[in-house]
Amino acid sequence: MKKSLSFLQKLKRNNNKEWFHANRASYDEARAEFLAFVEMLVSEIGMFDPDLGPIDPRKTLFRINRDIRFSRDKSPYKTNFGSFIIKGGKKTGNAGYYFHLDPEGTFIGGGVYHPEAEILKKVRHEIYGNPEEFREIITEKSFRKKFGDMYDDQLKTAPKGYPKDFEHIDLLKYKSYIVSRQLDDKLVYGVQLLKETLASYRLMNPMIRFINYALE
């Protein structure tokens, strides 16, 4: 990932259209390196998650251009590379596997982040019907050691339609159902990145399967 990270570091210092266009060839090389890594991820994830189906790795990538219409920050480009590997594509709202490459902090994640209301409703309904199964997934020893708690963005009270005294009401208060872990620089620049990322995704898989089953 050295080409990708080197380019992103330079882009952070020169986030303008003139510099980007002058260094377009470097961007293309960096993107190609990142895409090659994502292609390997897609291939390997399919070995333990057959529900993923056929995936075009290019369509998992996020555009480097920023949407600056409603932002005070008018920097035209993102200074990271991101990929969301997801059954049916990013627009489905399904749970998937995320990889975020950034010189200031690379991380991986999985699940659904701030889903639309109808998707969130389905996930909560499935958890309400099978709370022990979901809790067992997210408290499994290896899972918890790798990811800790889920992303902590919760309602202050029980969501509408659910009893406040429900034993597992804490599981229904989440606005997102996602876990993540930071990757240190030694791992990101080393030869074990692919292996360690896949090991983490494999641990995420039961949670992702649970969520996607709720959405089917």
N, C-alpha and C. Protein backbone atom coordinates (compact mmCIF):
# COMPACT_ATOMS: atom_id res chain seq x y z
N MET A 1 0.83 -1.21 0.00
CA MET A 1 0.00 0.00 0.00
C MET A 1 0.87 1.27 0.00
N LYS A 2 2.16 1.12 -0.26
CA LYS A 2 3.06 2.27 -0.15
C LYS A 2 2.73 3.38 -1.15
N LYS A 3 2.41 3.00 -2.39
CA LYS A 3 2.07 4.01 -3.39
C LYS A 3 0.80 4.75 -3.00
N SER A 4 -0.19 4.01 -2.53
CA SER A 4 -1.47 4.60 -2.15
C SER A 4 -1.29 5.57 -0.99
N LEU A 5 -0.58 5.13 0.04
CA LEU A 5 -0.39 5.98 1.22
C LEU A 5 0.49 7.19 0.91
N SER A 6 1.50 6.99 0.08
CA SER A 6 2.37 8.11 -0.31
C SER A 6 1.57 9.17 -1.07
N PHE A 7 0.74 8.73 -1.99
CA PHE A 7 -0.07 9.69 -2.75
C PHE A 7 -1.02 10.44 -1.83
N LEU A 8 -1.68 9.72 -0.93
CA LEU A 8 -2.64 10.37 -0.03
C LEU A 8 -1.96 11.38 0.89
N GLN A 9 -0.76 11.07 1.33
CA GLN A 9 -0.01 12.02 2.16
C GLN A 9 0.27 13.31 1.40
N LYS A 10 0.66 13.17 0.14
CA LYS A 10 0.94 14.35 -0.68
C LYS A 10 -0.34 15.12 -0.97
N LEU A 11 -1.43 14.39 -1.17
CA LEU A 11 -2.71 15.04 -1.45
C LEU A 11 -3.18 15.87 -0.25
N LYS A 12 -2.91 15.37 0.96
CA LYS A 12 -3.28 16.13 2.17
C LYS A 12 -2.60 17.50 2.19
N ARG A 13 -1.39 17.57 1.65
CA ARG A 13 -0.64 18.82 1.64
C ARG A 13 -0.97 19.70 0.43
N ASN A 14 -1.61 19.09 -0.57
CA ASN A 14 -1.87 19.81 -1.83
C ASN A 14 -3.27 19.53 -2.34
N ASN A 15 -4.26 19.78 -1.48
CA ASN A 15 -5.63 19.42 -1.83
C ASN A 15 -6.28 20.51 -2.69
N ASN A 16 -5.88 20.52 -3.96
CA ASN A 16 -6.45 21.46 -4.92
C ASN A 16 -6.45 20.82 -6.31
N LYS A 17 -7.30 21.33 -7.18
CA LYS A 17 -7.48 20.72 -8.50
C LYS A 17 -6.23 20.82 -9.36
N GLU A 18 -5.50 21.91 -9.25
CA GLU A 18 -4.32 22.10 -10.08
C GLU A 18 -3.27 21.01 -9.78
N TRP A 19 -3.00 20.80 -8.48
CA TRP A 19 -2.02 19.77 -8.10
C TRP A 19 -2.51 18.39 -8.50
N PHE A 20 -3.79 18.11 -8.26
CA PHE A 20 -4.32 16.78 -8.57
C PHE A 20 -4.19 16.47 -10.05
N HIS A 21 -4.56 17.39 -10.91
CA HIS A 21 -4.49 17.13 -12.35
C HIS A 21 -3.05 16.99 -12.82
N ALA A 22 -2.13 17.73 -12.19
CA ALA A 22 -0.73 17.62 -12.55
C ALA A 22 -0.14 16.28 -12.11
N ASN A 23 -0.78 15.65 -11.12
CA ASN A 23 -0.30 14.38 -10.58
C ASN A 23 -1.29 13.25 -10.82
N ARG A 24 -2.04 13.37 -11.88
CA ARG A 24 -3.07 12.38 -12.20
C ARG A 24 -2.47 10.98 -12.38
N ALA A 25 -1.30 10.90 -12.98
CA ALA A 25 -0.67 9.59 -13.19
C ALA A 25 -0.36 8.92 -11.86
N SER A 26 0.08 9.70 -10.87
CA SER A 26 0.36 9.14 -9.54
C SER A 26 -0.92 8.67 -8.87
N TYR A 27 -2.00 9.43 -9.06
CA TYR A 27 -3.29 9.01 -8.52
C TYR A 27 -3.72 7.69 -9.14
N ASP A 28 -3.60 7.57 -10.46
CA ASP A 28 -4.01 6.34 -11.15
C ASP A 28 -3.23 5.14 -10.63
N GLU A 29 -1.94 5.31 -10.38
CA GLU A 29 -1.12 4.22 -9.85
C GLU A 29 -1.55 3.86 -8.43
N ALA A 30 -1.81 4.87 -7.61
CA ALA A 30 -2.22 4.63 -6.23
C ALA A 30 -3.58 3.92 -6.19
N ARG A 31 -4.49 4.39 -7.01
CA ARG A 31 -5.83 3.78 -7.05
C ARG A 31 -5.73 2.33 -7.53
N ALA A 32 -4.88 2.08 -8.53
CA ALA A 32 -4.72 0.72 -9.05
C ALA A 32 -4.18 -0.22 -7.97
N GLU A 33 -3.24 0.29 -7.16
CA GLU A 33 -2.70 -0.52 -6.08
C GLU A 33 -3.79 -0.85 -5.06
N PHE A 34 -4.59 0.15 -4.69
CA PHE A 34 -5.67 -0.07 -3.73
C PHE A 34 -6.70 -1.02 -4.31
N LEU A 35 -7.04 -0.85 -5.58
CA LEU A 35 -8.03 -1.71 -6.22
C LEU A 35 -7.55 -3.16 -6.25
N ALA A 36 -6.26 -3.37 -6.51
CA ALA A 36 -5.72 -4.73 -6.52
C ALA A 36 -5.89 -5.39 -5.15
N PHE A 37 -5.69 -4.61 -4.10
CA PHE A 37 -5.90 -5.13 -2.74
C PHE A 37 -7.36 -5.48 -2.52
N VAL A 38 -8.26 -4.62 -2.97
CA VAL A 38 -9.70 -4.86 -2.81
C VAL A 38 -10.12 -6.09 -3.61
N GLU A 39 -9.56 -6.28 -4.78
CA GLU A 39 -9.87 -7.46 -5.58
C GLU A 39 -9.54 -8.74 -4.83
N MET A 40 -8.41 -8.74 -4.11
CA MET A 40 -8.05 -9.90 -3.31
C MET A 40 -9.03 -10.08 -2.15
N LEU A 41 -9.44 -8.98 -1.54
CA LEU A 41 -10.41 -9.06 -0.45
C LEU A 41 -11.72 -9.69 -0.94
N VAL A 42 -12.22 -9.19 -2.06
CA VAL A 42 -13.49 -9.68 -2.61
C VAL A 42 -13.41 -11.19 -2.87
N SER A 43 -12.31 -11.61 -3.49
CA SER A 43 -12.14 -13.03 -3.80
C SER A 43 -12.11 -13.88 -2.55
N GLU A 44 -11.38 -13.43 -1.53
CA GLU A 44 -11.22 -14.23 -0.31
C GLU A 44 -12.47 -14.20 0.56
N ILE A 45 -13.15 -13.05 0.63
CA ILE A 45 -14.38 -12.98 1.43
C ILE A 45 -15.42 -13.95 0.88
N GLY A 46 -15.47 -14.06 -0.45
CA GLY A 46 -16.43 -14.97 -1.07
C GLY A 46 -16.24 -16.42 -0.66
N MET A 47 -15.05 -16.75 -0.16
CA MET A 47 -14.77 -18.13 0.26
C MET A 47 -15.50 -18.48 1.55
N PHE A 48 -15.68 -17.47 2.44
CA PHE A 48 -16.38 -17.77 3.70
C PHE A 48 -17.74 -17.08 3.79
N ASP A 49 -18.07 -16.26 2.80
CA ASP A 49 -19.38 -15.62 2.75
C ASP A 49 -19.96 -15.77 1.35
N PRO A 50 -20.45 -16.97 1.01
CA PRO A 50 -20.99 -17.22 -0.33
C PRO A 50 -22.22 -16.38 -0.65
N ASP A 51 -22.89 -15.85 0.38
CA ASP A 51 -24.05 -14.99 0.15
C ASP A 51 -23.66 -13.68 -0.54
N LEU A 52 -22.38 -13.34 -0.50
CA LEU A 52 -21.92 -12.08 -1.09
C LEU A 52 -22.24 -12.02 -2.57
N GLY A 53 -22.13 -13.16 -3.26
CA GLY A 53 -22.43 -13.21 -4.68
C GLY A 53 -21.35 -12.53 -5.51
N PRO A 54 -21.57 -12.42 -6.82
CA PRO A 54 -20.57 -11.78 -7.68
C PRO A 54 -20.45 -10.28 -7.38
N ILE A 55 -19.23 -9.82 -7.23
CA ILE A 55 -18.96 -8.43 -6.89
C ILE A 55 -17.93 -7.86 -7.87
N ASP A 56 -18.21 -6.69 -8.42
CA ASP A 56 -17.23 -5.97 -9.22
C ASP A 56 -16.42 -5.10 -8.26
N PRO A 57 -15.16 -5.42 -8.00
CA PRO A 57 -14.37 -4.66 -7.02
C PRO A 57 -14.36 -3.16 -7.28
N ARG A 58 -14.41 -2.76 -8.54
CA ARG A 58 -14.38 -1.34 -8.86
C ARG A 58 -15.59 -0.61 -8.29
N LYS A 59 -16.73 -1.30 -8.24
CA LYS A 59 -17.95 -0.66 -7.76
C LYS A 59 -18.03 -0.60 -6.24
N THR A 60 -17.07 -1.21 -5.57
CA THR A 60 -17.03 -1.11 -4.10
C THR A 60 -16.30 0.17 -3.67
N LEU A 61 -15.56 0.79 -4.57
CA LEU A 61 -14.75 1.95 -4.22
C LEU A 61 -15.60 3.22 -4.12
N PHE A 62 -15.21 4.11 -3.23
CA PHE A 62 -15.84 5.41 -3.12
C PHE A 62 -15.06 6.42 -3.95
N ARG A 63 -15.77 7.37 -4.53
CA ARG A 63 -15.14 8.40 -5.33
C ARG A 63 -14.22 9.25 -4.46
N ILE A 64 -13.14 9.72 -5.05
CA ILE A 64 -12.22 10.56 -4.30
C ILE A 64 -12.69 12.00 -4.23
N ASN A 65 -13.59 12.38 -5.13
CA ASN A 65 -14.13 13.75 -5.10
C ASN A 65 -15.07 13.93 -3.92
N ARG A 66 -14.93 15.03 -3.22
CA ARG A 66 -15.80 15.35 -2.10
C ARG A 66 -17.04 16.10 -2.58
N ASP A 67 -18.15 15.90 -1.90
CA ASP A 67 -19.34 16.71 -2.13
C ASP A 67 -19.23 17.94 -1.24
N ILE A 68 -18.93 19.07 -1.84
CA ILE A 68 -18.64 20.29 -1.05
C ILE A 68 -19.81 21.27 -1.06
N ARG A 69 -20.95 20.85 -1.60
CA ARG A 69 -22.08 21.78 -1.75
C ARG A 69 -22.54 22.36 -0.42
N PHE A 70 -22.56 21.54 0.62
CA PHE A 70 -23.08 22.00 1.91
C PHE A 70 -22.01 21.96 3.00
N SER A 71 -20.76 22.02 2.59
CA SER A 71 -19.66 21.92 3.55
C SER A 71 -18.85 23.22 3.60
N ARG A 72 -18.45 23.59 4.80
CA ARG A 72 -17.57 24.74 4.95
C ARG A 72 -16.18 24.44 4.40
N ASP A 73 -15.80 23.18 4.50
CA ASP A 73 -14.51 22.75 3.96
C ASP A 73 -14.65 22.56 2.46
N LYS A 74 -14.03 23.38 1.67
CA LYS A 74 -14.16 23.33 0.22
C LYS A 74 -13.02 22.55 -0.45
N SER A 75 -12.26 21.79 0.34
CA SER A 75 -11.23 20.94 -0.26
C SER A 75 -11.90 19.97 -1.24
N PRO A 76 -11.43 19.91 -2.47
CA PRO A 76 -12.16 19.15 -3.50
C PRO A 76 -12.03 17.64 -3.41
N TYR A 77 -11.01 17.13 -2.64
CA TYR A 77 -10.77 15.69 -2.66
C TYR A 77 -10.73 15.08 -1.26
N LYS A 78 -11.19 13.85 -1.17
CA LYS A 78 -11.00 13.08 0.05
C LYS A 78 -9.53 12.70 0.14
N THR A 79 -9.02 12.55 1.33
CA THR A 79 -7.62 12.18 1.50
C THR A 79 -7.51 10.77 2.07
N ASN A 80 -8.42 9.92 1.60
CA ASN A 80 -8.40 8.50 1.95
C ASN A 80 -8.96 7.70 0.78
N PHE A 81 -8.72 6.42 0.80
CA PHE A 81 -9.36 5.49 -0.13
C PHE A 81 -10.29 4.60 0.69
N GLY A 82 -11.50 4.39 0.18
CA GLY A 82 -12.47 3.57 0.89
C GLY A 82 -13.13 2.55 -0.01
N SER A 83 -13.44 1.40 0.54
CA SER A 83 -14.13 0.34 -0.19
C SER A 83 -15.18 -0.29 0.73
N PHE A 84 -16.40 -0.46 0.21
CA PHE A 84 -17.47 -1.12 0.96
C PHE A 84 -17.91 -2.32 0.14
N ILE A 85 -17.54 -3.50 0.61
CA ILE A 85 -17.84 -4.75 -0.07
C ILE A 85 -19.15 -5.28 0.47
N ILE A 86 -20.17 -5.26 -0.38
CA ILE A 86 -21.52 -5.46 0.12
C ILE A 86 -22.37 -6.24 -0.88
N LYS A 87 -23.13 -7.16 -0.39
CA LYS A 87 -24.02 -7.97 -1.22
C LYS A 87 -24.98 -7.08 -2.00
N GLY A 88 -24.94 -7.18 -3.32
CA GLY A 88 -25.87 -6.42 -4.16
C GLY A 88 -25.42 -5.01 -4.46
N GLY A 89 -24.34 -4.54 -3.83
CA GLY A 89 -23.85 -3.19 -4.11
C GLY A 89 -24.20 -2.20 -3.01
N LYS A 90 -23.52 -1.06 -3.04
CA LYS A 90 -23.62 -0.07 -1.96
C LYS A 90 -25.03 0.51 -1.82
N LYS A 91 -25.81 0.54 -2.88
CA LYS A 91 -27.11 1.19 -2.83
C LYS A 91 -28.20 0.31 -2.20
N THR A 92 -27.89 -0.94 -1.92
CA THR A 92 -28.91 -1.85 -1.39
C THR A 92 -29.24 -1.57 0.07
N GLY A 93 -28.28 -1.02 0.82
CA GLY A 93 -28.48 -0.84 2.26
C GLY A 93 -28.12 -2.06 3.07
N ASN A 94 -27.64 -3.12 2.41
CA ASN A 94 -27.24 -4.32 3.13
C ASN A 94 -26.01 -4.07 4.00
N ALA A 95 -25.78 -4.97 4.93
CA ALA A 95 -24.56 -4.92 5.73
C ALA A 95 -23.40 -5.43 4.89
N GLY A 96 -22.20 -4.90 5.15
CA GLY A 96 -21.05 -5.32 4.38
C GLY A 96 -19.75 -5.08 5.12
N TYR A 97 -18.66 -5.20 4.38
CA TYR A 97 -17.31 -5.11 4.92
C TYR A 97 -16.64 -3.83 4.39
N TYR A 98 -16.14 -3.01 5.30
CA TYR A 98 -15.56 -1.72 4.92
C TYR A 98 -14.06 -1.70 5.18
N PHE A 99 -13.32 -1.07 4.24
CA PHE A 99 -11.88 -0.87 4.42
C PHE A 99 -11.58 0.60 4.14
N HIS A 100 -10.88 1.24 5.07
CA HIS A 100 -10.59 2.67 5.00
C HIS A 100 -9.09 2.87 5.11
N LEU A 101 -8.47 3.28 4.01
CA LEU A 101 -7.02 3.51 3.99
C LEU A 101 -6.73 4.99 4.12
N ASP A 102 -5.98 5.35 5.16
CA ASP A 102 -5.74 6.76 5.46
C ASP A 102 -4.39 6.89 6.17
N PRO A 103 -3.49 7.77 5.69
CA PRO A 103 -2.20 7.95 6.36
C PRO A 103 -2.33 8.36 7.82
N GLU A 104 -3.45 8.96 8.18
CA GLU A 104 -3.64 9.41 9.56
C GLU A 104 -4.44 8.43 10.40
N GLY A 105 -4.76 7.27 9.83
CA GLY A 105 -5.49 6.28 10.60
C GLY A 105 -6.30 5.33 9.74
N THR A 106 -5.74 4.17 9.44
CA THR A 106 -6.44 3.16 8.64
C THR A 106 -7.29 2.30 9.57
N PHE A 107 -8.51 1.98 9.13
CA PHE A 107 -9.36 1.11 9.94
C PHE A 107 -10.23 0.25 9.05
N ILE A 108 -10.77 -0.81 9.65
CA ILE A 108 -11.72 -1.67 8.96
C ILE A 108 -13.00 -1.72 9.78
N GLY A 109 -14.10 -1.99 9.12
CA GLY A 109 -15.38 -2.04 9.81
C GLY A 109 -16.35 -2.96 9.10
N GLY A 110 -17.50 -3.15 9.72
CA GLY A 110 -18.52 -3.99 9.11
C GLY A 110 -19.88 -3.75 9.74
N GLY A 111 -20.93 -3.92 8.94
CA GLY A 111 -22.29 -3.73 9.42
C GLY A 111 -23.04 -2.73 8.58
N VAL A 112 -23.96 -1.99 9.21
CA VAL A 112 -24.73 -0.94 8.53
C VAL A 112 -24.56 0.35 9.33
N TYR A 113 -24.16 1.41 8.63
CA TYR A 113 -23.89 2.69 9.27
C TYR A 113 -25.00 3.68 8.97
N HIS A 114 -25.68 4.17 10.01
CA HIS A 114 -26.78 5.12 9.87
C HIS A 114 -27.72 4.71 8.72
N PRO A 115 -28.30 3.52 8.81
CA PRO A 115 -29.19 3.05 7.74
C PRO A 115 -30.48 3.85 7.67
N GLU A 116 -31.14 3.75 6.54
CA GLU A 116 -32.45 4.40 6.38
C GLU A 116 -33.43 3.81 7.37
N ALA A 117 -34.49 4.56 7.64
CA ALA A 117 -35.45 4.18 8.69
C ALA A 117 -36.03 2.79 8.50
N GLU A 118 -36.38 2.44 7.27
CA GLU A 118 -37.01 1.14 7.02
C GLU A 118 -36.02 0.00 7.27
N ILE A 119 -34.77 0.20 6.92
CA ILE A 119 -33.75 -0.82 7.17
C ILE A 119 -33.51 -0.97 8.67
N LEU A 120 -33.40 0.15 9.37
CA LEU A 120 -33.19 0.11 10.81
C LEU A 120 -34.36 -0.59 11.51
N LYS A 121 -35.55 -0.34 11.02
CA LYS A 121 -36.76 -0.97 11.58
C LYS A 121 -36.69 -2.49 11.45
N LYS A 122 -36.24 -2.98 10.31
CA LYS A 122 -36.15 -4.42 10.07
C LYS A 122 -35.08 -5.06 10.96
N VAL A 123 -33.96 -4.39 11.11
CA VAL A 123 -32.89 -4.93 11.95
C VAL A 123 -33.35 -5.02 13.40
N ARG A 124 -33.98 -3.95 13.89
CA ARG A 124 -34.48 -3.97 15.27
C ARG A 124 -35.53 -5.06 15.47
N HIS A 125 -36.39 -5.24 14.49
CA HIS A 125 -37.43 -6.26 14.59
C HIS A 125 -36.81 -7.65 14.71
N GLU A 126 -35.76 -7.91 13.93
CA GLU A 126 -35.10 -9.22 13.98
C GLU A 126 -34.40 -9.42 15.32
N ILE A 127 -33.75 -8.37 15.82
CA ILE A 127 -33.08 -8.47 17.12
C ILE A 127 -34.10 -8.69 18.23
N TYR A 128 -35.23 -8.01 18.14
CA TYR A 128 -36.28 -8.14 19.14
C TYR A 128 -36.78 -9.60 19.22
N GLY A 129 -36.84 -10.24 18.05
CA GLY A 129 -37.29 -11.63 18.02
C GLY A 129 -36.22 -12.63 18.40
N ASN A 130 -34.95 -12.24 18.26
CA ASN A 130 -33.84 -13.16 18.54
C ASN A 130 -32.71 -12.45 19.29
N PRO A 131 -33.02 -11.87 20.44
CA PRO A 131 -32.02 -11.07 21.14
C PRO A 131 -30.82 -11.88 21.64
N GLU A 132 -31.09 -13.09 22.13
CA GLU A 132 -29.99 -13.89 22.66
C GLU A 132 -29.00 -14.25 21.56
N GLU A 133 -29.52 -14.57 20.38
CA GLU A 133 -28.63 -14.92 19.26
C GLU A 133 -27.74 -13.74 18.89
N PHE A 134 -28.32 -12.54 18.82
CA PHE A 134 -27.53 -11.37 18.43
C PHE A 134 -26.51 -11.02 19.51
N ARG A 135 -26.94 -11.08 20.77
CA ARG A 135 -26.02 -10.76 21.85
C ARG A 135 -24.85 -11.75 21.89
N GLU A 136 -25.14 -13.00 21.63
CA GLU A 136 -24.09 -14.01 21.62
C GLU A 136 -23.05 -13.69 20.54
N ILE A 137 -23.51 -13.19 19.40
CA ILE A 137 -22.60 -12.85 18.30
C ILE A 137 -21.66 -11.72 18.71
N ILE A 138 -22.23 -10.65 19.27
CA ILE A 138 -21.42 -9.46 19.54
C ILE A 138 -20.64 -9.53 20.85
N THR A 139 -20.89 -10.57 21.64
CA THR A 139 -20.12 -10.73 22.88
C THR A 139 -19.21 -11.95 22.82
N GLU A 140 -19.19 -12.64 21.69
CA GLU A 140 -18.28 -13.77 21.52
C GLU A 140 -16.86 -13.32 21.83
N LYS A 141 -16.09 -14.14 22.50
CA LYS A 141 -14.80 -13.73 23.06
C LYS A 141 -13.85 -13.15 22.01
N SER A 142 -13.65 -13.84 20.91
CA SER A 142 -12.72 -13.37 19.88
C SER A 142 -13.23 -12.10 19.21
N PHE A 143 -14.55 -12.04 18.99
CA PHE A 143 -15.18 -10.87 18.37
C PHE A 143 -14.96 -9.64 19.25
N ARG A 144 -15.24 -9.80 20.52
CA ARG A 144 -15.13 -8.66 21.44
C ARG A 144 -13.68 -8.22 21.64
N LYS A 145 -12.77 -9.18 21.64
CA LYS A 145 -11.36 -8.84 21.79
C LYS A 145 -10.88 -8.01 20.61
N LYS A 146 -11.38 -8.33 19.42
CA LYS A 146 -10.93 -7.64 18.21
C LYS A 146 -11.61 -6.29 18.03
N PHE A 147 -12.90 -6.19 18.35
CA PHE A 147 -13.67 -4.99 18.02
C PHE A 147 -14.19 -4.20 19.22
N GLY A 148 -14.23 -4.81 20.38
CA GLY A 148 -14.82 -4.12 21.52
C GLY A 148 -16.32 -3.98 21.34
N ASP A 149 -16.88 -2.86 21.80
CA ASP A 149 -18.32 -2.61 21.67
C ASP A 149 -18.68 -2.14 20.28
N MET A 150 -19.95 -2.24 19.94
CA MET A 150 -20.43 -1.68 18.69
C MET A 150 -20.34 -0.16 18.71
N TYR A 151 -20.39 0.45 17.54
CA TYR A 151 -20.36 1.90 17.41
C TYR A 151 -21.43 2.51 18.31
N ASP A 152 -21.00 3.36 19.23
CA ASP A 152 -21.87 3.82 20.32
C ASP A 152 -22.64 5.09 19.94
N ASP A 153 -23.66 4.91 19.12
CA ASP A 153 -24.55 6.01 18.75
C ASP A 153 -25.96 5.50 19.00
N GLN A 154 -26.54 5.87 20.14
CA GLN A 154 -27.78 5.25 20.59
C GLN A 154 -28.85 6.28 20.95
N LEU A 155 -30.09 5.82 20.86
CA LEU A 155 -31.21 6.60 21.37
C LEU A 155 -31.12 6.65 22.89
N LYS A 156 -31.69 7.69 23.49
CA LYS A 156 -31.69 7.80 24.95
C LYS A 156 -32.81 6.97 25.56
N THR A 157 -33.85 6.72 24.79
CA THR A 157 -34.97 5.92 25.28
C THR A 157 -35.26 4.79 24.29
N ALA A 158 -36.20 3.93 24.66
CA ALA A 158 -36.57 2.81 23.78
C ALA A 158 -37.14 3.32 22.47
N PRO A 159 -36.81 2.69 21.35
CA PRO A 159 -37.40 3.11 20.07
C PRO A 159 -38.90 2.90 20.07
N LYS A 160 -39.58 3.70 19.30
CA LYS A 160 -41.05 3.65 19.25
C LYS A 160 -41.53 2.25 18.87
N GLY A 161 -42.50 1.77 19.62
CA GLY A 161 -43.10 0.48 19.33
C GLY A 161 -42.54 -0.67 20.15
N TYR A 162 -41.54 -0.39 21.00
CA TYR A 162 -40.94 -1.45 21.80
C TYR A 162 -41.07 -1.12 23.29
N PRO A 163 -41.34 -2.14 24.12
CA PRO A 163 -41.52 -1.89 25.56
C PRO A 163 -40.22 -1.45 26.23
N LYS A 164 -40.31 -0.46 27.08
CA LYS A 164 -39.12 0.06 27.75
C LYS A 164 -38.50 -0.95 28.71
N ASP A 165 -39.32 -1.90 29.17
CA ASP A 165 -38.81 -2.88 30.13
C ASP A 165 -38.32 -4.16 29.45
N PHE A 166 -38.20 -4.14 28.13
CA PHE A 166 -37.67 -5.29 27.41
C PHE A 166 -36.26 -5.58 27.91
N GLU A 167 -36.00 -6.83 28.24
CA GLU A 167 -34.74 -7.21 28.86
C GLU A 167 -33.51 -6.80 28.04
N HIS A 168 -33.64 -6.80 26.73
CA HIS A 168 -32.51 -6.50 25.85
C HIS A 168 -32.71 -5.17 25.11
N ILE A 169 -33.37 -4.23 25.77
CA ILE A 169 -33.70 -2.96 25.11
C ILE A 169 -32.44 -2.21 24.65
N ASP A 170 -31.31 -2.44 25.33
CA ASP A 170 -30.07 -1.76 24.92
C ASP A 170 -29.68 -2.11 23.48
N LEU A 171 -30.01 -3.32 23.04
CA LEU A 171 -29.66 -3.74 21.69
C LEU A 171 -30.50 -3.05 20.63
N LEU A 172 -31.65 -2.52 21.03
CA LEU A 172 -32.56 -1.88 20.07
C LEU A 172 -32.34 -0.38 19.97
N LYS A 173 -31.52 0.19 20.84
CA LYS A 173 -31.33 1.64 20.86
C LYS A 173 -30.29 2.14 19.85
N TYR A 174 -29.53 1.23 19.28
CA TYR A 174 -28.49 1.66 18.34
C TYR A 174 -29.08 2.29 17.09
N LYS A 175 -28.42 3.34 16.61
CA LYS A 175 -28.80 3.97 15.34
C LYS A 175 -28.01 3.36 14.18
N SER A 176 -26.90 2.73 14.51
CA SER A 176 -26.08 2.00 13.55
C SER A 176 -25.74 0.65 14.17
N TYR A 177 -25.55 -0.34 13.32
CA TYR A 177 -25.10 -1.64 13.80
C TYR A 177 -23.79 -1.94 13.09
N ILE A 178 -22.71 -1.48 13.72
CA ILE A 178 -21.41 -1.53 13.07
C ILE A 178 -20.30 -1.71 14.11
N VAL A 179 -19.28 -2.43 13.72
CA VAL A 179 -18.07 -2.56 14.54
C VAL A 179 -16.88 -2.16 13.69
N SER A 180 -15.79 -1.79 14.36
CA SER A 180 -14.59 -1.40 13.62
C SER A 180 -13.36 -1.61 14.49
N ARG A 181 -12.20 -1.56 13.86
CA ARG A 181 -10.93 -1.62 14.58
C ARG A 181 -9.88 -0.83 13.81
N GLN A 182 -9.04 -0.12 14.55
CA GLN A 182 -7.93 0.61 13.96
C GLN A 182 -6.79 -0.37 13.64
N LEU A 183 -6.07 -0.07 12.57
CA LEU A 183 -4.91 -0.87 12.20
C LEU A 183 -3.66 -0.02 12.38
N ASP A 184 -2.68 -0.54 13.10
CA ASP A 184 -1.47 0.26 13.31
C ASP A 184 -0.61 0.28 12.05
N ASP A 185 0.29 1.26 11.98
CA ASP A 185 1.09 1.47 10.78
C ASP A 185 1.94 0.26 10.43
N LYS A 186 2.45 -0.43 11.44
CA LYS A 186 3.28 -1.60 11.18
C LYS A 186 2.51 -2.64 10.38
N LEU A 187 1.24 -2.82 10.70
CA LEU A 187 0.41 -3.78 9.99
C LEU A 187 0.07 -3.26 8.59
N VAL A 188 -0.29 -1.98 8.50
CA VAL A 188 -0.71 -1.41 7.21
C VAL A 188 0.43 -1.46 6.19
N TYR A 189 1.66 -1.21 6.64
CA TYR A 189 2.80 -1.21 5.73
C TYR A 189 3.44 -2.59 5.58
N GLY A 190 2.96 -3.56 6.36
CA GLY A 190 3.58 -4.87 6.37
C GLY A 190 2.95 -5.87 5.42
N VAL A 191 3.43 -7.11 5.52
CA VAL A 191 2.99 -8.16 4.60
C VAL A 191 1.78 -8.93 5.13
N GLN A 192 1.36 -8.65 6.36
CA GLN A 192 0.25 -9.39 6.97
C GLN A 192 -1.09 -8.66 6.85
N LEU A 193 -1.12 -7.55 6.12
CA LEU A 193 -2.35 -6.75 6.06
C LEU A 193 -3.53 -7.53 5.52
N LEU A 194 -3.36 -8.20 4.41
CA LEU A 194 -4.46 -8.96 3.81
C LEU A 194 -4.93 -10.05 4.75
N LYS A 195 -4.01 -10.82 5.31
CA LYS A 195 -4.36 -11.92 6.20
C LYS A 195 -5.11 -11.44 7.43
N GLU A 196 -4.63 -10.35 8.05
CA GLU A 196 -5.25 -9.84 9.27
C GLU A 196 -6.61 -9.22 8.98
N THR A 197 -6.73 -8.54 7.85
CA THR A 197 -8.02 -7.95 7.47
C THR A 197 -9.06 -9.04 7.26
N LEU A 198 -8.69 -10.09 6.55
CA LEU A 198 -9.62 -11.18 6.30
C LEU A 198 -10.01 -11.91 7.58
N ALA A 199 -9.06 -12.05 8.50
CA ALA A 199 -9.38 -12.68 9.78
C ALA A 199 -10.42 -11.86 10.54
N SER A 200 -10.30 -10.54 10.46
CA SER A 200 -11.28 -9.66 11.12
C SER A 200 -12.64 -9.76 10.44
N TYR A 201 -12.65 -9.77 9.12
CA TYR A 201 -13.91 -9.88 8.39
C TYR A 201 -14.60 -11.21 8.68
N ARG A 202 -13.81 -12.25 8.86
CA ARG A 202 -14.38 -13.56 9.16
C ARG A 202 -15.10 -13.52 10.51
N LEU A 203 -14.54 -12.79 11.46
CA LEU A 203 -15.18 -12.64 12.76
C LEU A 203 -16.46 -11.81 12.66
N MET A 204 -16.48 -10.84 11.74
CA MET A 204 -17.66 -10.01 11.54
C MET A 204 -18.80 -10.76 10.85
N ASN A 205 -18.46 -11.79 10.12
CA ASN A 205 -19.43 -12.44 9.24
C ASN A 205 -20.75 -12.85 9.91
N PRO A 206 -20.73 -13.45 11.11
CA PRO A 206 -22.02 -13.81 11.73
C PRO A 206 -22.92 -12.60 11.96
N MET A 207 -22.35 -11.47 12.36
CA MET A 207 -23.15 -10.26 12.56
C MET A 207 -23.72 -9.76 11.23
N ILE A 208 -22.90 -9.78 10.20
CA ILE A 208 -23.34 -9.32 8.89
C ILE A 208 -24.43 -10.24 8.34
N ARG A 209 -24.27 -11.54 8.54
CA ARG A 209 -25.31 -12.49 8.09
C ARG A 209 -26.61 -12.25 8.83
N PHE A 210 -26.52 -12.00 10.13
CA PHE A 210 -27.73 -11.76 10.94
C PHE A 210 -28.47 -10.54 10.40
N ILE A 211 -27.75 -9.46 10.17
CA ILE A 211 -28.38 -8.22 9.68
C ILE A 211 -28.99 -8.42 8.30
N ASN A 212 -28.24 -9.04 7.40
CA ASN A 212 -28.76 -9.21 6.04
C ASN A 212 -29.94 -10.17 5.99
N TYR A 213 -29.98 -11.14 6.91
CA TYR A 213 -31.15 -12.01 6.99
C TYR A 213 -32.38 -11.18 7.37
N ALA A 214 -32.18 -10.22 8.25
CA ALA A 214 -33.30 -9.35 8.67
C ALA A 214 -33.82 -8.53 7.51
N LEU A 215 -32.96 -8.22 6.56
CA LEU A 215 -33.34 -7.35 5.45
C LEU A 215 -33.93 -8.11 4.27
N GLU A 216 -33.81 -9.44 4.27
CA GLU A 216 -34.32 -10.21 3.14
C GLU A 216 -35.83 -10.34 3.19
